[in-house]
């Protein structure tokens, strides 16, 4: 599948649908939260590893290509490594987002941007600028491995990571899940009882009888 087609189809589902389609998908720690809600994060991972220093992030901003997302492992740094200047430069350069397994600052400005920025928190204290760090290597971010070029897909629920091939493989199932969810929503909005659309009673009885293979299903 061409990357543009993958992006277009992913943009019409959401990370939750992909996670439902594959419970083993890489999901970043829930502590990584968007600075501004309501934005979709979707692009290629440009990986950075640094600690208490943001020189490598400046170098990444110079090297990354439009459509990339900076994914930064700060190795548990307790200082901010991204602020308003880096975020504004990322927007100017056509990047699609920044994900920081660590802290950022200048939230007032970042909250005005259409480009998503995720972090574990914020601090007014910034790091040093004299360590080369590492770029475009496999890193750990939010408790999962992220490789250069992996697809980063996030919204207010959180962030998932996968190779283009991994996400393309589960995308049809995610699309089917979204279609079913929308059909349920349409019925709920017309007054239909949710439980009437589920095999709830049968599933409950099966569980009580010890049937570990029973599944709750939606009947539309």
N, C-alpha and C. Protein backbone atom coordinates (compact mmCIF):
# COMPACT_ATOMS: atom_id res chain seq x y z
N UNK A 1 0.84 -1.19 0.00
CA UNK A 1 0.00 0.00 0.00
C UNK A 1 0.89 1.25 0.00
N UNK A 2 0.55 2.19 -0.88
CA UNK A 2 1.30 3.45 -0.92
C UNK A 2 1.10 4.22 0.38
N UNK A 3 2.15 4.96 0.79
CA UNK A 3 2.11 5.66 2.06
C UNK A 3 0.96 6.67 2.11
N UNK A 4 0.72 7.38 1.01
CA UNK A 4 -0.35 8.38 1.02
C UNK A 4 -1.71 7.71 1.22
N UNK A 5 -1.92 6.54 0.60
CA UNK A 5 -3.18 5.83 0.79
C UNK A 5 -3.31 5.35 2.24
N UNK A 6 -2.19 4.85 2.79
CA UNK A 6 -2.21 4.41 4.18
C UNK A 6 -2.59 5.56 5.11
N UNK A 7 -1.96 6.70 4.91
CA UNK A 7 -2.27 7.87 5.74
C UNK A 7 -3.75 8.27 5.61
N UNK A 8 -4.24 8.30 4.39
CA UNK A 8 -5.62 8.72 4.17
C UNK A 8 -6.59 7.79 4.88
N UNK A 9 -6.35 6.48 4.77
CA UNK A 9 -7.26 5.52 5.41
C UNK A 9 -7.11 5.53 6.93
N UNK A 10 -5.87 5.67 7.42
CA UNK A 10 -5.68 5.77 8.87
C UNK A 10 -6.39 7.00 9.43
N UNK A 11 -6.34 8.10 8.71
CA UNK A 11 -6.94 9.34 9.20
C UNK A 11 -8.45 9.24 9.38
N UNK A 12 -9.07 8.22 8.74
CA UNK A 12 -10.51 8.04 8.84
C UNK A 12 -10.90 7.05 9.95
N UNK A 13 -9.90 6.42 10.57
CA UNK A 13 -10.19 5.57 11.73
C UNK A 13 -9.62 6.27 12.97
N UNK A 14 -9.10 5.53 13.92
CA UNK A 14 -8.46 6.15 15.08
C UNK A 14 -7.60 5.09 15.77
N UNK A 15 -6.70 5.51 16.66
CA UNK A 15 -5.85 4.53 17.35
C UNK A 15 -6.64 3.47 18.10
N UNK A 16 -7.79 3.83 18.67
CA UNK A 16 -8.58 2.86 19.42
C UNK A 16 -9.05 1.72 18.52
N UNK A 17 -9.47 2.04 17.30
CA UNK A 17 -9.92 1.00 16.38
C UNK A 17 -8.77 0.07 16.01
N UNK A 18 -7.58 0.62 15.81
CA UNK A 18 -6.42 -0.22 15.51
C UNK A 18 -6.05 -1.09 16.70
N UNK A 19 -6.15 -0.53 17.91
CA UNK A 19 -5.85 -1.31 19.10
C UNK A 19 -6.87 -2.43 19.31
N UNK A 20 -8.14 -2.18 18.93
CA UNK A 20 -9.15 -3.23 18.99
C UNK A 20 -8.87 -4.31 17.95
N UNK A 21 -8.35 -3.90 16.80
CA UNK A 21 -8.05 -4.87 15.74
C UNK A 21 -6.84 -5.74 16.07
N UNK A 22 -5.92 -5.21 16.90
CA UNK A 22 -4.72 -5.96 17.27
C UNK A 22 -4.34 -5.58 18.69
N UNK A 23 -4.70 -6.42 19.65
CA UNK A 23 -4.42 -6.12 21.05
C UNK A 23 -2.93 -6.12 21.36
N UNK A 24 -2.12 -6.65 20.45
CA UNK A 24 -0.67 -6.67 20.68
C UNK A 24 0.07 -5.51 20.05
N UNK A 25 -0.66 -4.55 19.51
CA UNK A 25 -0.01 -3.41 18.86
C UNK A 25 0.78 -2.60 19.88
N UNK A 26 1.84 -1.93 19.42
CA UNK A 26 2.64 -1.10 20.32
C UNK A 26 1.86 0.16 20.71
N UNK A 27 1.63 0.33 22.00
CA UNK A 27 0.90 1.49 22.52
C UNK A 27 1.78 2.19 23.55
N UNK A 28 2.02 3.48 23.36
CA UNK A 28 2.84 4.23 24.30
C UNK A 28 2.15 4.40 25.64
N UNK A 29 2.94 4.62 26.67
CA UNK A 29 2.43 4.78 28.03
C UNK A 29 1.39 5.90 28.07
N UNK A 30 0.31 5.70 28.84
CA UNK A 30 -0.75 6.71 28.89
C UNK A 30 -0.32 8.04 29.51
N UNK A 31 0.83 8.05 30.17
CA UNK A 31 1.32 9.31 30.76
C UNK A 31 1.77 10.31 29.69
N UNK A 32 2.02 9.86 28.46
CA UNK A 32 2.35 10.79 27.38
C UNK A 32 1.05 11.40 26.87
N UNK A 33 0.85 12.68 27.15
CA UNK A 33 -0.40 13.34 26.84
C UNK A 33 -0.20 14.51 25.88
N UNK A 34 -1.19 14.79 25.03
CA UNK A 34 -1.08 15.93 24.13
C UNK A 34 -1.17 17.24 24.89
N UNK A 35 -0.33 18.18 24.52
CA UNK A 35 -0.40 19.52 25.13
C UNK A 35 -1.71 20.20 24.75
N UNK A 36 -2.12 19.99 23.50
CA UNK A 36 -3.40 20.54 23.02
C UNK A 36 -4.28 19.37 22.56
N UNK A 37 -5.48 19.33 23.04
CA UNK A 37 -6.38 18.24 22.67
C UNK A 37 -7.05 18.53 21.33
N UNK A 38 -7.61 17.47 20.74
CA UNK A 38 -8.38 17.62 19.51
C UNK A 38 -7.59 17.52 18.22
N UNK A 39 -6.29 17.21 18.31
CA UNK A 39 -5.46 17.12 17.12
C UNK A 39 -5.11 15.66 16.82
N UNK A 40 -4.98 15.34 15.54
CA UNK A 40 -4.55 14.01 15.14
C UNK A 40 -3.06 14.02 14.82
N UNK A 41 -2.37 13.00 15.31
CA UNK A 41 -0.93 12.85 15.09
C UNK A 41 -0.72 11.70 14.12
N UNK A 42 -0.06 11.96 12.98
CA UNK A 42 0.14 10.91 11.98
C UNK A 42 1.33 11.26 11.11
N UNK A 43 2.35 10.42 11.15
CA UNK A 43 3.53 10.66 10.33
C UNK A 43 4.61 9.63 10.60
N UNK A 44 5.81 9.85 9.99
CA UNK A 44 6.95 8.96 10.14
C UNK A 44 7.78 9.35 11.34
N UNK A 45 8.29 8.36 12.06
CA UNK A 45 9.12 8.62 13.23
C UNK A 45 10.54 9.00 12.82
N UNK A 46 10.99 10.13 13.33
CA UNK A 46 12.40 10.52 13.30
C UNK A 46 12.86 10.45 14.75
N UNK A 47 13.72 9.49 15.06
CA UNK A 47 14.02 9.19 16.46
C UNK A 47 15.23 9.97 16.98
N UNK A 48 15.15 10.34 18.27
CA UNK A 48 16.21 11.08 18.95
C UNK A 48 16.37 10.50 20.35
N UNK A 49 17.63 10.33 20.77
CA UNK A 49 17.91 9.95 22.16
C UNK A 49 18.85 10.99 22.75
N UNK A 50 18.47 11.55 23.89
CA UNK A 50 19.29 12.56 24.56
C UNK A 50 19.05 12.45 26.06
N UNK A 51 19.82 13.19 26.84
CA UNK A 51 19.62 13.19 28.29
C UNK A 51 20.06 14.53 28.86
N UNK A 52 19.10 15.25 29.40
CA UNK A 52 19.36 16.56 30.02
C UNK A 52 20.01 17.55 29.05
N UNK A 53 19.83 17.33 27.77
CA UNK A 53 20.50 18.13 26.74
C UNK A 53 19.64 18.08 25.48
N UNK A 54 19.59 19.20 24.75
CA UNK A 54 18.73 19.21 23.57
C UNK A 54 19.48 19.53 22.27
N UNK A 55 20.81 19.37 22.27
CA UNK A 55 21.55 19.59 21.02
C UNK A 55 21.06 18.67 19.92
N UNK A 56 20.83 17.39 20.25
CA UNK A 56 20.40 16.41 19.25
C UNK A 56 19.05 16.78 18.65
N UNK A 57 18.22 17.47 19.42
CA UNK A 57 16.91 17.87 18.90
C UNK A 57 17.07 19.00 17.88
N UNK A 58 18.00 19.92 18.14
CA UNK A 58 18.29 20.96 17.15
C UNK A 58 18.78 20.33 15.86
N UNK A 59 19.69 19.36 15.98
CA UNK A 59 20.20 18.67 14.80
C UNK A 59 19.08 17.93 14.08
N UNK A 60 18.15 17.35 14.82
CA UNK A 60 17.03 16.64 14.21
C UNK A 60 16.13 17.61 13.45
N UNK A 61 15.89 18.77 14.02
CA UNK A 61 15.08 19.77 13.32
C UNK A 61 15.72 20.19 12.01
N UNK A 62 17.04 20.20 11.97
CA UNK A 62 17.76 20.56 10.75
C UNK A 62 17.71 19.44 9.71
N UNK A 63 17.63 18.20 10.18
CA UNK A 63 17.76 17.03 9.29
C UNK A 63 16.43 16.41 8.89
N UNK A 64 15.42 16.51 9.74
CA UNK A 64 14.15 15.84 9.48
C UNK A 64 13.47 16.40 8.24
N UNK A 65 12.63 15.57 7.62
CA UNK A 65 11.94 15.94 6.39
C UNK A 65 10.47 16.24 6.67
N UNK A 66 9.83 17.03 5.80
CA UNK A 66 8.40 17.27 5.98
C UNK A 66 7.65 15.94 6.08
N UNK A 67 6.72 15.89 7.00
CA UNK A 67 5.97 14.65 7.23
C UNK A 67 6.51 13.82 8.37
N UNK A 68 7.72 14.15 8.85
CA UNK A 68 8.30 13.41 9.97
C UNK A 68 7.69 13.87 11.29
N UNK A 69 7.81 13.00 12.29
CA UNK A 69 7.45 13.32 13.66
C UNK A 69 8.67 13.05 14.53
N UNK A 70 9.13 14.03 15.28
CA UNK A 70 10.25 13.82 16.19
C UNK A 70 9.75 12.98 17.37
N UNK A 71 10.41 11.84 17.60
CA UNK A 71 10.08 10.96 18.71
C UNK A 71 11.32 10.92 19.59
N UNK A 72 11.21 11.45 20.81
CA UNK A 72 12.39 11.75 21.62
C UNK A 72 12.40 10.94 22.91
N UNK A 73 13.48 10.19 23.11
CA UNK A 73 13.73 9.48 24.36
C UNK A 73 14.68 10.34 25.18
N UNK A 74 14.19 10.93 26.26
CA UNK A 74 15.03 11.80 27.09
C UNK A 74 15.71 11.04 28.23
N UNK A 75 15.52 9.72 28.26
CA UNK A 75 16.14 8.89 29.30
C UNK A 75 15.81 9.41 30.71
N UNK A 76 14.53 9.71 30.88
CA UNK A 76 14.00 10.15 32.18
C UNK A 76 14.54 11.50 32.63
N UNK A 77 14.94 12.34 31.70
CA UNK A 77 15.37 13.69 32.07
C UNK A 77 14.26 14.44 32.79
N UNK A 78 14.63 15.28 33.74
CA UNK A 78 13.67 16.08 34.47
C UNK A 78 13.77 17.55 34.11
N UNK A 79 14.29 17.82 32.90
CA UNK A 79 14.33 19.18 32.37
C UNK A 79 13.60 19.20 31.04
N UNK A 80 13.12 20.36 30.65
CA UNK A 80 12.43 20.50 29.37
C UNK A 80 13.43 20.47 28.22
N UNK A 81 13.09 19.72 27.17
CA UNK A 81 13.98 19.65 26.00
C UNK A 81 13.32 20.23 24.75
N UNK A 82 12.06 20.60 24.84
CA UNK A 82 11.34 21.23 23.73
C UNK A 82 10.50 22.35 24.30
N UNK A 83 10.51 23.50 23.60
CA UNK A 83 9.68 24.63 23.97
C UNK A 83 9.07 25.26 22.74
N UNK A 84 8.70 26.53 22.87
CA UNK A 84 7.99 27.19 21.78
C UNK A 84 8.85 27.36 20.53
N UNK A 85 10.15 27.65 20.68
CA UNK A 85 10.98 27.88 19.50
C UNK A 85 11.14 26.62 18.66
N UNK A 86 11.41 25.49 19.31
CA UNK A 86 11.55 24.23 18.58
C UNK A 86 10.21 23.83 17.95
N UNK A 87 9.13 24.06 18.67
CA UNK A 87 7.82 23.70 18.14
C UNK A 87 7.46 24.55 16.93
N UNK A 88 7.72 25.83 17.01
CA UNK A 88 7.45 26.71 15.88
C UNK A 88 8.33 26.36 14.68
N UNK A 89 9.59 26.00 14.93
CA UNK A 89 10.47 25.59 13.83
C UNK A 89 9.96 24.29 13.20
N UNK A 90 9.46 23.37 14.02
CA UNK A 90 8.92 22.12 13.49
C UNK A 90 7.74 22.39 12.57
N UNK A 91 6.89 23.33 12.96
CA UNK A 91 5.76 23.71 12.11
C UNK A 91 6.27 24.30 10.80
N UNK A 92 7.23 25.22 10.90
CA UNK A 92 7.77 25.85 9.70
C UNK A 92 8.37 24.84 8.74
N UNK A 93 9.03 23.81 9.31
CA UNK A 93 9.71 22.80 8.50
C UNK A 93 8.77 21.73 7.96
N UNK A 94 7.48 21.81 8.30
CA UNK A 94 6.53 20.85 7.77
C UNK A 94 6.48 19.53 8.52
N UNK A 95 7.02 19.51 9.75
CA UNK A 95 6.91 18.30 10.54
C UNK A 95 5.47 18.12 11.03
N UNK A 96 5.12 16.87 11.37
CA UNK A 96 3.74 16.57 11.73
C UNK A 96 3.52 16.42 13.23
N UNK A 97 4.58 16.58 14.02
CA UNK A 97 4.40 16.49 15.45
C UNK A 97 5.70 16.23 16.18
N UNK A 98 5.61 16.29 17.51
CA UNK A 98 6.73 16.00 18.39
C UNK A 98 6.20 15.16 19.54
N UNK A 99 6.87 14.05 19.82
CA UNK A 99 6.52 13.19 20.95
C UNK A 99 7.73 13.12 21.86
N UNK A 100 7.57 13.55 23.11
CA UNK A 100 8.68 13.64 24.05
C UNK A 100 8.42 12.70 25.22
N UNK A 101 9.25 11.69 25.35
CA UNK A 101 9.18 10.87 26.56
C UNK A 101 9.98 11.62 27.62
N UNK A 102 9.37 12.68 28.11
CA UNK A 102 10.02 13.61 29.02
C UNK A 102 9.20 14.88 29.09
N UNK A 103 9.86 16.02 29.28
CA UNK A 103 9.18 17.26 29.59
C UNK A 103 9.35 18.30 28.49
N UNK A 104 8.39 19.20 28.41
CA UNK A 104 8.47 20.36 27.52
C UNK A 104 8.16 21.61 28.32
N UNK A 105 8.13 22.75 27.66
CA UNK A 105 7.76 24.00 28.33
C UNK A 105 7.12 24.94 27.31
N UNK A 106 6.77 26.14 27.73
CA UNK A 106 6.10 27.13 26.87
C UNK A 106 4.75 26.60 26.38
N UNK A 107 3.98 26.06 27.30
CA UNK A 107 2.71 25.45 26.94
C UNK A 107 1.73 26.45 26.32
N UNK A 108 1.78 27.70 26.76
CA UNK A 108 0.84 28.69 26.25
C UNK A 108 0.95 28.82 24.74
N UNK A 109 2.18 28.86 24.23
CA UNK A 109 2.38 28.95 22.77
C UNK A 109 2.07 27.63 22.09
N UNK A 110 2.54 26.53 22.65
CA UNK A 110 2.34 25.23 22.01
C UNK A 110 0.85 24.93 21.87
N UNK A 111 0.04 25.38 22.81
CA UNK A 111 -1.40 25.12 22.74
C UNK A 111 -2.08 25.88 21.62
N UNK A 112 -1.40 26.83 21.01
CA UNK A 112 -1.99 27.55 19.87
C UNK A 112 -1.68 26.88 18.54
N UNK A 113 -0.80 25.89 18.53
CA UNK A 113 -0.34 25.30 17.28
C UNK A 113 -1.28 24.21 16.80
N UNK A 114 -1.34 24.05 15.47
CA UNK A 114 -2.12 22.97 14.87
C UNK A 114 -1.31 21.68 14.81
N UNK A 115 -0.03 21.74 15.14
CA UNK A 115 0.83 20.57 15.16
C UNK A 115 0.82 19.95 16.56
N UNK A 116 0.55 18.64 16.69
CA UNK A 116 0.50 18.03 18.01
C UNK A 116 1.87 17.91 18.68
N UNK A 117 1.91 18.17 19.96
CA UNK A 117 3.09 17.93 20.80
C UNK A 117 2.62 17.13 22.01
N UNK A 118 3.29 15.99 22.24
CA UNK A 118 2.98 15.14 23.39
C UNK A 118 4.17 15.15 24.34
N UNK A 119 3.89 15.07 25.65
CA UNK A 119 4.95 15.02 26.65
C UNK A 119 4.39 14.39 27.92
N UNK A 120 5.30 14.06 28.85
CA UNK A 120 4.87 13.54 30.15
C UNK A 120 4.51 14.65 31.13
N UNK A 121 4.96 15.86 30.84
CA UNK A 121 4.70 16.98 31.73
C UNK A 121 5.50 18.17 31.27
N UNK A 122 5.63 19.16 32.16
CA UNK A 122 6.33 20.39 31.78
C UNK A 122 7.20 20.87 32.93
N UNK A 123 8.19 21.68 32.57
CA UNK A 123 9.06 22.31 33.54
C UNK A 123 9.62 23.58 32.92
N UNK A 124 9.79 24.64 33.70
CA UNK A 124 10.41 25.85 33.15
C UNK A 124 11.91 25.69 32.95
N UNK A 125 12.51 24.68 33.57
CA UNK A 125 13.96 24.49 33.51
C UNK A 125 14.35 23.72 32.27
N UNK A 126 15.27 24.27 31.47
CA UNK A 126 15.72 23.60 30.25
C UNK A 126 17.08 22.94 30.48
N UNK A 127 17.46 22.10 29.52
CA UNK A 127 18.72 21.37 29.63
C UNK A 127 19.88 22.12 29.01
N UNK A 128 21.00 21.41 28.86
CA UNK A 128 22.21 21.97 28.26
C UNK A 128 22.17 21.79 26.74
N UNK A 129 23.22 22.29 26.07
CA UNK A 129 23.24 22.24 24.60
C UNK A 129 24.65 21.85 24.14
N UNK A 130 25.21 20.80 24.70
CA UNK A 130 26.59 20.45 24.33
C UNK A 130 26.84 18.95 24.26
N UNK A 131 25.77 18.15 24.09
CA UNK A 131 25.92 16.71 23.96
C UNK A 131 25.29 16.27 22.64
N UNK A 132 26.06 15.57 21.80
CA UNK A 132 25.56 15.21 20.47
C UNK A 132 24.35 14.30 20.52
N UNK A 133 24.22 13.49 21.55
CA UNK A 133 23.10 12.55 21.62
C UNK A 133 23.16 11.56 20.46
N UNK A 134 22.01 10.98 20.15
CA UNK A 134 21.93 10.01 19.05
C UNK A 134 20.65 10.25 18.27
N UNK A 135 20.72 10.00 16.96
CA UNK A 135 19.55 10.22 16.10
C UNK A 135 19.38 9.06 15.12
N UNK A 136 18.13 8.84 14.73
CA UNK A 136 17.75 7.84 13.74
C UNK A 136 18.29 6.45 14.09
N UNK A 137 18.03 6.06 15.34
CA UNK A 137 18.35 4.74 15.85
C UNK A 137 17.10 4.18 16.53
N UNK A 138 17.01 2.88 16.75
CA UNK A 138 15.89 2.36 17.55
C UNK A 138 15.96 2.92 18.97
N UNK A 139 14.85 3.40 19.47
CA UNK A 139 14.80 3.95 20.81
C UNK A 139 13.62 3.35 21.57
N UNK A 140 13.59 3.59 22.86
CA UNK A 140 12.42 3.29 23.68
C UNK A 140 11.72 4.60 23.99
N UNK A 141 10.45 4.67 23.68
CA UNK A 141 9.67 5.88 23.96
C UNK A 141 8.30 5.46 24.46
N UNK A 142 7.94 5.93 25.62
CA UNK A 142 6.65 5.56 26.19
C UNK A 142 6.52 4.07 26.43
N UNK A 143 7.65 3.42 26.69
CA UNK A 143 7.63 2.01 27.03
C UNK A 143 7.60 1.05 25.86
N UNK A 144 7.70 1.56 24.63
CA UNK A 144 7.72 0.69 23.45
C UNK A 144 8.89 1.05 22.56
N UNK A 145 9.30 0.11 21.73
CA UNK A 145 10.37 0.38 20.78
C UNK A 145 9.84 1.19 19.60
N UNK A 146 10.60 2.17 19.20
CA UNK A 146 10.27 2.97 18.03
C UNK A 146 11.48 2.97 17.10
N UNK A 147 11.26 2.58 15.86
CA UNK A 147 12.33 2.56 14.86
C UNK A 147 12.18 3.73 13.90
N UNK A 148 13.29 4.23 13.37
CA UNK A 148 13.18 5.28 12.36
C UNK A 148 12.26 4.84 11.22
N UNK A 149 11.32 5.69 10.86
CA UNK A 149 10.41 5.37 9.78
C UNK A 149 9.13 4.68 10.21
N UNK A 150 9.05 4.24 11.46
CA UNK A 150 7.79 3.69 11.95
C UNK A 150 6.68 4.75 11.83
N UNK A 151 5.44 4.27 11.70
CA UNK A 151 4.31 5.19 11.65
C UNK A 151 3.86 5.50 13.08
N UNK A 152 3.70 6.78 13.35
CA UNK A 152 3.24 7.27 14.65
C UNK A 152 1.82 7.77 14.46
N UNK A 153 0.87 7.23 15.23
CA UNK A 153 -0.54 7.56 15.05
C UNK A 153 -1.16 7.81 16.43
N UNK A 154 -1.63 9.04 16.64
CA UNK A 154 -2.15 9.38 17.95
C UNK A 154 -3.32 10.34 17.91
N UNK A 155 -4.05 10.36 19.01
CA UNK A 155 -5.10 11.34 19.23
C UNK A 155 -5.21 11.56 20.74
N UNK A 156 -6.34 12.04 21.21
CA UNK A 156 -6.46 12.32 22.64
C UNK A 156 -6.39 11.05 23.50
N UNK A 157 -6.68 9.89 22.91
CA UNK A 157 -6.61 8.63 23.66
C UNK A 157 -5.18 8.18 23.93
N UNK A 158 -4.25 8.54 23.03
CA UNK A 158 -2.87 8.10 23.17
C UNK A 158 -2.24 7.82 21.81
N UNK A 159 -1.10 7.15 21.84
CA UNK A 159 -0.28 6.98 20.63
C UNK A 159 0.01 5.51 20.41
N UNK A 160 -0.16 5.06 19.15
CA UNK A 160 0.27 3.74 18.75
C UNK A 160 1.42 3.87 17.76
N UNK A 161 2.23 2.81 17.69
CA UNK A 161 3.38 2.76 16.81
C UNK A 161 3.31 1.47 16.00
N UNK A 162 3.65 1.53 14.73
CA UNK A 162 3.73 0.33 13.91
C UNK A 162 4.47 0.63 12.62
N UNK A 163 5.05 -0.40 12.03
CA UNK A 163 5.61 -0.23 10.70
C UNK A 163 4.45 -0.03 9.72
N UNK A 164 4.75 0.49 8.54
CA UNK A 164 3.70 0.67 7.53
C UNK A 164 3.04 -0.66 7.21
N UNK A 165 3.83 -1.72 7.11
CA UNK A 165 3.28 -3.03 6.79
C UNK A 165 2.38 -3.55 7.92
N UNK A 166 2.80 -3.34 9.17
CA UNK A 166 1.99 -3.80 10.31
C UNK A 166 0.64 -3.10 10.33
N UNK A 167 0.64 -1.80 10.12
CA UNK A 167 -0.61 -1.06 10.18
C UNK A 167 -1.49 -1.36 8.97
N UNK A 168 -0.89 -1.52 7.80
CA UNK A 168 -1.67 -1.86 6.61
C UNK A 168 -2.36 -3.20 6.78
N UNK A 169 -1.71 -4.13 7.49
CA UNK A 169 -2.27 -5.47 7.66
C UNK A 169 -3.52 -5.47 8.53
N UNK A 170 -3.57 -4.60 9.54
CA UNK A 170 -4.72 -4.60 10.44
C UNK A 170 -5.73 -3.51 10.10
N UNK A 171 -5.41 -2.67 9.12
CA UNK A 171 -6.30 -1.55 8.78
C UNK A 171 -7.69 -2.02 8.35
N UNK A 172 -7.83 -3.04 7.49
CA UNK A 172 -9.20 -3.46 7.12
C UNK A 172 -10.04 -3.84 8.32
N UNK A 173 -9.47 -4.53 9.28
CA UNK A 173 -10.22 -4.90 10.49
C UNK A 173 -10.61 -3.65 11.28
N UNK A 174 -9.70 -2.68 11.38
CA UNK A 174 -10.00 -1.43 12.08
C UNK A 174 -11.12 -0.66 11.37
N UNK A 175 -11.09 -0.66 10.06
CA UNK A 175 -12.15 0.02 9.30
C UNK A 175 -13.51 -0.65 9.54
N UNK A 176 -13.51 -1.99 9.59
CA UNK A 176 -14.76 -2.71 9.87
C UNK A 176 -15.28 -2.38 11.27
N UNK A 177 -14.37 -2.27 12.22
CA UNK A 177 -14.76 -1.90 13.58
C UNK A 177 -15.39 -0.51 13.61
N UNK A 178 -14.80 0.43 12.89
CA UNK A 178 -15.36 1.78 12.86
C UNK A 178 -16.74 1.80 12.21
N UNK A 179 -16.92 1.00 11.15
CA UNK A 179 -18.24 0.96 10.51
C UNK A 179 -19.29 0.41 11.48
N UNK A 180 -18.93 -0.64 12.21
CA UNK A 180 -19.86 -1.22 13.18
C UNK A 180 -20.16 -0.22 14.30
N UNK A 181 -19.14 0.45 14.80
CA UNK A 181 -19.34 1.44 15.86
C UNK A 181 -20.28 2.55 15.39
N UNK A 182 -20.09 3.01 14.15
CA UNK A 182 -20.94 4.08 13.65
C UNK A 182 -22.38 3.61 13.51
N UNK A 183 -22.57 2.36 13.10
CA UNK A 183 -23.92 1.82 13.00
C UNK A 183 -24.59 1.77 14.37
N UNK A 184 -23.81 1.40 15.39
CA UNK A 184 -24.35 1.37 16.76
C UNK A 184 -24.69 2.79 17.22
N UNK A 185 -23.79 3.73 16.96
CA UNK A 185 -24.03 5.12 17.35
C UNK A 185 -25.31 5.64 16.70
N UNK A 186 -25.49 5.33 15.41
CA UNK A 186 -26.70 5.79 14.71
C UNK A 186 -27.96 5.24 15.38
N UNK A 187 -27.91 3.98 15.81
CA UNK A 187 -29.08 3.38 16.47
C UNK A 187 -29.29 3.97 17.86
N UNK A 188 -28.21 4.19 18.59
CA UNK A 188 -28.34 4.80 19.92
C UNK A 188 -28.97 6.19 19.82
N UNK A 189 -28.59 6.93 18.80
CA UNK A 189 -29.11 8.29 18.64
C UNK A 189 -30.59 8.31 18.28
N UNK A 190 -31.13 7.17 17.81
CA UNK A 190 -32.56 7.09 17.52
C UNK A 190 -33.32 6.41 18.65
N UNK A 191 -32.63 6.15 19.78
CA UNK A 191 -33.31 5.65 20.96
C UNK A 191 -33.21 4.16 21.20
N UNK A 192 -32.43 3.44 20.39
CA UNK A 192 -32.28 2.00 20.57
C UNK A 192 -31.46 1.71 21.83
N UNK A 193 -31.88 0.72 22.60
CA UNK A 193 -31.15 0.29 23.80
C UNK A 193 -29.88 -0.43 23.39
N UNK A 194 -28.74 -0.04 23.97
CA UNK A 194 -27.47 -0.66 23.62
C UNK A 194 -27.49 -2.17 23.84
N UNK A 195 -28.04 -2.62 24.97
CA UNK A 195 -28.01 -4.04 25.28
C UNK A 195 -28.79 -4.87 24.26
N UNK A 196 -29.74 -4.23 23.59
CA UNK A 196 -30.51 -4.97 22.58
C UNK A 196 -29.67 -5.26 21.35
N UNK A 197 -28.55 -4.59 21.22
CA UNK A 197 -27.66 -4.80 20.07
C UNK A 197 -26.54 -5.77 20.39
N UNK A 198 -26.47 -6.22 21.64
CA UNK A 198 -25.40 -7.12 22.08
C UNK A 198 -25.97 -8.48 22.44
N UNK A 199 -25.10 -9.50 22.38
CA UNK A 199 -25.48 -10.83 22.86
C UNK A 199 -25.16 -10.95 24.35
N UNK A 200 -25.54 -9.90 25.09
CA UNK A 200 -25.15 -9.79 26.50
C UNK A 200 -25.61 -10.98 27.34
N UNK A 201 -26.89 -11.32 27.22
CA UNK A 201 -27.43 -12.39 28.07
C UNK A 201 -26.75 -13.72 27.78
N UNK A 202 -26.60 -14.05 26.51
CA UNK A 202 -25.95 -15.30 26.13
C UNK A 202 -24.49 -15.32 26.59
N UNK A 203 -23.82 -14.20 26.45
CA UNK A 203 -22.42 -14.11 26.85
C UNK A 203 -22.29 -14.27 28.37
N UNK A 204 -23.18 -13.61 29.11
CA UNK A 204 -23.17 -13.73 30.57
C UNK A 204 -23.39 -15.18 31.01
N UNK A 205 -24.38 -15.82 30.38
CA UNK A 205 -24.68 -17.20 30.75
C UNK A 205 -23.51 -18.13 30.42
N UNK A 206 -22.85 -17.87 29.31
CA UNK A 206 -21.71 -18.70 28.92
C UNK A 206 -20.56 -18.53 29.90
N UNK A 207 -20.32 -17.30 30.33
CA UNK A 207 -19.26 -17.05 31.31
C UNK A 207 -19.57 -17.75 32.62
N UNK A 208 -20.82 -17.63 33.06
CA UNK A 208 -21.22 -18.27 34.31
C UNK A 208 -21.09 -19.79 34.24
N UNK A 209 -21.25 -20.33 33.02
CA UNK A 209 -21.13 -21.78 32.82
C UNK A 209 -19.69 -22.23 32.64
N UNK A 210 -18.77 -21.25 32.67
CA UNK A 210 -17.36 -21.60 32.57
C UNK A 210 -16.81 -21.63 31.16
N UNK A 211 -17.56 -21.11 30.19
CA UNK A 211 -17.11 -21.10 28.80
C UNK A 211 -16.15 -19.93 28.58
N UNK A 212 -14.86 -20.24 28.48
CA UNK A 212 -13.84 -19.20 28.30
C UNK A 212 -13.72 -18.74 26.84
N UNK A 213 -14.44 -19.39 25.93
CA UNK A 213 -14.34 -19.03 24.51
C UNK A 213 -15.44 -18.04 24.10
N UNK A 214 -16.41 -17.80 24.98
CA UNK A 214 -17.51 -16.90 24.65
C UNK A 214 -17.01 -15.48 24.42
N UNK A 215 -17.64 -14.78 23.48
CA UNK A 215 -17.27 -13.41 23.19
C UNK A 215 -18.52 -12.53 23.13
N UNK A 216 -18.38 -11.32 23.61
CA UNK A 216 -19.45 -10.34 23.49
C UNK A 216 -19.44 -9.79 22.06
N UNK A 217 -20.55 -9.88 21.37
CA UNK A 217 -20.62 -9.44 19.98
C UNK A 217 -21.73 -8.43 19.79
N UNK A 218 -21.62 -7.69 18.73
CA UNK A 218 -22.63 -6.70 18.34
C UNK A 218 -23.43 -7.26 17.17
N UNK A 219 -24.73 -7.16 17.27
CA UNK A 219 -25.61 -7.68 16.22
C UNK A 219 -26.34 -6.51 15.58
N UNK A 220 -25.90 -6.13 14.39
CA UNK A 220 -26.50 -5.01 13.66
C UNK A 220 -27.27 -5.55 12.44
